[in-house]
C-alpha atoms as a PDB file:
ATOM      1  CA  MET A   1     -12.215 -51.139  31.507  1.00  0.00           C
ATOM      2  CA  PRO A   2     -12.858 -47.437  31.348  1.00  0.00           C
ATOM      3  CA  SER A   3     -15.531 -45.973  29.002  1.00  0.00           C
ATOM      4  CA  ALA A   4     -15.524 -47.431  25.455  1.00  0.00           C
ATOM      5  CA  ASN A   5     -14.466 -44.085  23.946  1.00  0.00           C
ATOM      6  CA  SER A   6     -11.358 -43.606  26.188  1.00  0.00           C
ATOM      7  CA  VAL A   7      -8.808 -46.125  27.146  1.00  0.00           C
ATOM      8  CA  THR A   8      -5.282 -45.467  28.567  1.00  0.00           C
ATOM      9  CA  ILE A   9      -2.706 -48.074  28.899  1.00  0.00           C
ATOM     10  CA  SER A  10       0.240 -47.371  31.307  1.00  0.00           C
ATOM     11  CA  THR A  11       1.741 -50.800  31.921  1.00  0.00           C
ATOM     12  CA  ASP A  12       2.658 -54.073  30.126  1.00  0.00           C
ATOM     13  CA  GLY A  13       0.009 -55.738  32.195  1.00  0.00           C
ATOM     14  CA  GLU A  14      -2.733 -53.358  31.106  1.00  0.00           C
ATOM     15  CA  ARG A  15      -1.552 -53.809  27.469  1.00  0.00           C
ATOM     16  CA  LYS A  16      -1.812 -57.603  27.696  1.00  0.00           C
ATOM     17  CA  ALA A  17      -5.319 -57.274  29.266  1.00  0.00           C
ATOM     18  CA  ALA A  18      -6.390 -54.928  26.445  1.00  0.00           C
ATOM     19  CA  ILE A  19      -5.151 -57.293  23.815  1.00  0.00           C
ATOM     20  CA  VAL A  20      -7.141 -60.234  25.361  1.00  0.00           C
ATOM     21  CA  ARG A  21     -10.192 -58.034  25.581  1.00  0.00           C
ATOM     22  CA  ALA A  22      -9.747 -56.855  21.950  1.00  0.00           C
ATOM     23  CA  ALA A  23      -9.356 -60.376  20.762  1.00  0.00           C
ATOM     24  CA  VAL A  24     -12.627 -61.369  22.470  1.00  0.00           C
ATOM     25  CA  LEU A  25     -14.461 -58.364  21.030  1.00  0.00           C
ATOM     26  CA  MET A  26     -13.051 -59.118  17.484  1.00  0.00           C
ATOM     27  CA  GLY A  27     -15.103 -62.262  17.566  1.00  0.00           C
ATOM     28  CA  CYS A  28     -18.344 -60.682  18.582  1.00  0.00           C
ATOM     29  CA  VAL A  29     -18.399 -57.109  17.308  1.00  0.00           C
ATOM     30  CA  SER A  30     -21.721 -56.309  15.768  1.00  0.00           C
ATOM     31  CA  GLY A  31     -21.467 -52.479  15.838  1.00  0.00           C
ATOM     32  CA  GLY A  32     -22.409 -50.045  18.499  1.00  0.00           C
ATOM     33  CA  GLU A  33     -20.687 -50.102  21.964  1.00  0.00           C
ATOM     34  CA  GLU A  34     -18.565 -53.192  21.306  1.00  0.00           C
ATOM     35  CA  GLU A  35     -17.097 -51.607  18.016  1.00  0.00           C
ATOM     36  CA  ARG A  36     -16.399 -48.342  19.891  1.00  0.00           C
ATOM     37  CA  GLU A  37     -14.567 -50.335  22.649  1.00  0.00           C
ATOM     38  CA  LEU A  38     -12.611 -52.306  20.126  1.00  0.00           C
ATOM     39  CA  ASP A  39     -11.556 -49.051  18.440  1.00  0.00           C
ATOM     40  CA  ALA A  40     -10.485 -47.575  21.741  1.00  0.00           C
ATOM     41  CA  LEU A  41      -8.616 -50.639  22.720  1.00  0.00           C
ATOM     42  CA  THR A  42      -6.675 -50.896  19.499  1.00  0.00           C
ATOM     43  CA  ASP A  43      -5.909 -47.216  19.535  1.00  0.00           C
ATOM     44  CA  ALA A  44      -4.705 -47.418  23.164  1.00  0.00           C
ATOM     45  CA  ILE A  45      -2.543 -50.455  22.328  1.00  0.00           C
ATOM     46  CA  ALA A  46      -0.954 -48.693  19.382  1.00  0.00           C
ATOM     47  CA  GLU A  47      -0.305 -45.546  21.408  1.00  0.00           C
ATOM     48  CA  TYR A  48       1.319 -47.500  24.273  1.00  0.00           C
ATOM     49  CA  ASP A  49       3.511 -49.487  21.821  1.00  0.00           C
ATOM     50  CA  MET A  50       4.593 -46.161  20.102  1.00  0.00           C
ATOM     51  CA  ARG A  51       5.438 -44.539  23.356  1.00  0.00           C
ATOM     52  CA  THR A  52       7.458 -47.586  24.444  1.00  0.00           C
ATOM     53  CA  ILE A  53       9.275 -47.738  20.996  1.00  0.00           C
ATOM     54  CA  VAL A  54       9.984 -43.986  20.933  1.00  0.00           C
ATOM     55  CA  GLN A  55      11.303 -43.954  24.542  1.00  0.00           C
ATOM     56  CA  ALA A  56      13.729 -46.789  23.795  1.00  0.00           C
ATOM     57  CA  VAL A  57      14.917 -45.165  20.549  1.00  0.00           C
ATOM     58  CA  ALA A  58      15.377 -41.857  22.280  1.00  0.00           C
ATOM     59  CA  LEU A  59      17.336 -43.348  25.121  1.00  0.00           C
ATOM     60  CA  ALA A  60      19.607 -45.256  22.709  1.00  0.00           C
ATOM     61  CA  ALA A  61      20.142 -42.170  20.579  1.00  0.00           C
ATOM     62  CA  ALA A  62      21.005 -40.031  23.680  1.00  0.00           C
ATOM     63  CA  ALA A  63      23.375 -42.655  24.894  1.00  0.00           C
ATOM     64  CA  ARG A  64      25.228 -42.792  21.502  1.00  0.00           C
ATOM     65  CA  CYS A  65      25.355 -38.980  21.398  1.00  0.00           C
ATOM     66  CA  ASP A  66      26.650 -38.812  24.964  1.00  0.00           C
ATOM     67  CA  ALA A  67      29.328 -41.478  24.093  1.00  0.00           C
ATOM     68  CA  GLY A  68      30.618 -39.122  21.353  1.00  0.00           C
ATOM     69  CA  GLU A  69      29.615 -41.315  18.441  1.00  0.00           C
ATOM     70  CA  PHE A  70      27.830 -38.440  16.682  1.00  0.00           C
ATOM     71  CA  GLU A  71      29.122 -35.552  18.653  1.00  0.00           C
ATOM     72  CA  GLN A  72      29.103 -33.003  15.710  1.00  0.00           C
ATOM     73  CA  SER A  73      25.708 -34.173  14.395  1.00  0.00           C
ATOM     74  CA  ALA A  74      22.742 -31.815  14.375  1.00  0.00           C
ATOM     75  CA  ALA A  75      20.679 -34.836  15.251  1.00  0.00           C
ATOM     76  CA  CYS A  76      22.476 -35.016  18.658  1.00  0.00           C
ATOM     77  CA  ALA A  77      21.696 -31.439  19.321  1.00  0.00           C
ATOM     78  CA  GLU A  78      17.960 -32.241  18.641  1.00  0.00           C
ATOM     79  CA  VAL A  79      18.103 -35.404  20.770  1.00  0.00           C
ATOM     80  CA  ARG A  80      19.582 -33.520  23.771  1.00  0.00           C
ATOM     81  CA  HIS A  81      17.156 -30.645  23.367  1.00  0.00           C
ATOM     82  CA  MET A  82      14.157 -33.094  23.399  1.00  0.00           C
ATOM     83  CA  ARG A  83      15.652 -35.143  26.250  1.00  0.00           C
ATOM     84  CA  ASP A  84      16.184 -32.033  28.473  1.00  0.00           C
ATOM     85  CA  GLN A  85      12.595 -30.724  28.010  1.00  0.00           C
ATOM     86  CA  SER A  86       9.490 -31.664  29.702  1.00  0.00           C
ATOM     87  CA  PRO A  87       7.232 -34.044  27.678  1.00  0.00           C
ATOM     88  CA  ALA A  88       4.694 -31.256  27.123  1.00  0.00           C
ATOM     89  CA  ALA A  89       7.478 -28.777  25.899  1.00  0.00           C
ATOM     90  CA  ALA A  90       8.920 -31.448  23.773  1.00  0.00           C
ATOM     91  CA  CYS A  91       5.495 -32.217  22.088  1.00  0.00           C
ATOM     92  CA  ALA A  92       5.054 -28.426  21.420  1.00  0.00           C
ATOM     93  CA  ASP A  93       8.190 -28.592  19.234  1.00  0.00           C
ATOM     94  CA  VAL A  94       6.981 -31.476  16.997  1.00  0.00           C
ATOM     95  CA  THR A  95       6.216 -30.513  13.548  1.00  0.00           C
ATOM     96  CA  PRO A  96       3.417 -32.240  11.670  1.00  0.00           C
ATOM     97  CA  PHE A  97       4.237 -35.415   9.700  1.00  0.00           C
ATOM     98  CA  GLU A  98       3.958 -35.053   6.033  1.00  0.00           C
ATOM     99  CA  ASN A  99       2.935 -38.265   4.333  1.00  0.00           C
ATOM    100  CA  LYS A 100       4.951 -38.556   1.145  1.00  0.00           C
ATOM    101  CA  THR A 101       3.185 -41.701  -0.211  1.00  0.00           C
ATOM    102  CA  LYS A 102       0.383 -41.354  -2.746  1.00  0.00           C
ATOM    103  CA  SER A 103      -2.982 -42.548  -1.872  1.00  0.00           C
ATOM    104  CA  THR A 104      -4.524 -45.344  -3.898  1.00  0.00           C
ATOM    105  CA  ASP A 105      -6.782 -42.712  -5.571  1.00  0.00           C
ATOM    106  CA  GLU A 106      -3.694 -40.910  -6.951  1.00  0.00           C
ATOM    107  CA  ARG A 107      -2.009 -43.978  -8.459  1.00  0.00           C
END
C-alpha cells in the first residue's frame, strides 16, 4: 500500500485488496499510523465507488438522451455538455453541494 495518508484505487482488484486490508485494520486499530491508514483506505474505497457509480449513471443518461427520450430536456443539454468536456473541465463546472438537512444540533 502507498503511504497511509494517500491511497488511490483504480481497479476492482485494488478495491478488493483495500477492503480486505481495511477489515484487518478495523480489528487492530489503536490509533496512530493504523488509524490514518484505515481512514485513507475507507476514503479511497468510497471515492472509487462514487466514480464508478457516477460514470455508470452518466453513460446511462447520455444513452437515453441520445436515444431521444428526453430530447427537449435541459438535463440532456447538461449531460451532453459534461460528456463532451475533459474531466478537469467538467469538474471546474461543478457547483458546491448544499446540504439541505438539519444537523442534530439544529433539531
